[in-house]
Amino acid sequence: MYANQYSVSGADVARKFDEAGVLDYLLDNYEALHTQGWRFILPLINDYMNNQKSEMK
């Protein structure tokens, strides 16, 4: 879903998610997120990745 929505390859998504720790974030917040739709979660993932980049600087 993410790759299609943002026109990136699956490999790029996997790399970006791994670098930012997105899967850990999703697992840690499963209870709050599992009832939300993709239109809510995809922008949330982008915000999380952007925040991770800011913290790395």
Protein backbone atom coordinates (compact mmCIF):
# COMPACT_ATOMS: atom_id res chain seq x y z
CA MET A 1 0.00 0.00 0.00
CA TYR A 2 2.74 2.46 0.98
CA ALA A 3 4.75 1.80 -2.20
CA ASN A 4 1.73 2.40 -4.43
CA GLN A 5 0.55 5.48 -2.57
CA TYR A 6 3.96 7.17 -2.70
CA SER A 7 5.17 5.70 -6.02
CA VAL A 8 8.27 4.01 -4.67
CA SER A 9 9.49 0.44 -5.06
CA GLY A 10 8.89 -2.20 -2.45
CA ALA A 11 12.65 -2.45 -1.96
CA ASP A 12 12.84 1.29 -1.23
CA VAL A 13 9.99 1.00 1.26
CA ALA A 14 11.69 -1.91 3.02
CA ARG A 15 14.98 0.00 3.23
CA LYS A 16 13.36 3.21 4.47
CA PHE A 17 11.22 1.37 7.03
CA ASP A 18 14.26 -0.55 8.29
CA GLU A 19 16.42 2.59 8.58
CA ALA A 20 13.73 4.49 10.48
CA GLY A 21 12.55 1.60 12.66
CA VAL A 22 9.01 1.83 11.33
CA LEU A 23 8.12 -1.80 11.99
CA ASP A 24 9.12 -1.48 15.65
CA TYR A 25 7.04 1.72 15.86
CA LEU A 26 4.00 -0.03 14.36
CA LEU A 27 4.37 -3.03 16.66
CA ASP A 28 4.84 -0.83 19.73
CA ASN A 29 1.70 1.15 18.84
CA TYR A 30 -0.42 -1.70 17.54
CA GLU A 31 -3.23 -1.23 20.07
CA ALA A 32 -3.78 2.38 19.05
CA LEU A 33 -3.27 1.85 15.32
CA HIS A 34 -5.00 -1.43 14.47
CA THR A 35 -8.42 0.21 14.28
CA GLN A 36 -7.25 3.01 11.98
CA GLY A 37 -7.39 2.95 8.19
CA TRP A 38 -4.50 3.30 5.78
CA ARG A 39 -5.40 6.95 5.07
CA PHE A 40 -4.57 7.70 8.69
CA ILE A 41 -1.60 5.38 9.08
CA LEU A 42 0.41 6.22 5.93
CA PRO A 43 0.81 9.93 6.76
CA LEU A 44 1.61 8.92 10.34
CA ILE A 45 4.41 6.69 9.05
CA ASN A 46 5.76 9.59 6.97
CA ASP A 47 5.71 11.88 9.99
CA TYR A 48 7.49 9.25 12.06
CA MET A 49 10.20 8.77 9.42
CA ASN A 50 10.67 12.54 9.09
CA ASN A 51 11.02 12.86 12.85
CA GLN A 52 13.57 10.04 12.87
CA LYS A 53 15.60 11.86 10.20
CA SER A 54 15.50 15.09 12.23
CA GLU A 55 16.74 13.29 15.33
CA MET A 56 19.65 11.76 13.41
CA LYS A 57 21.02 15.18 12.43
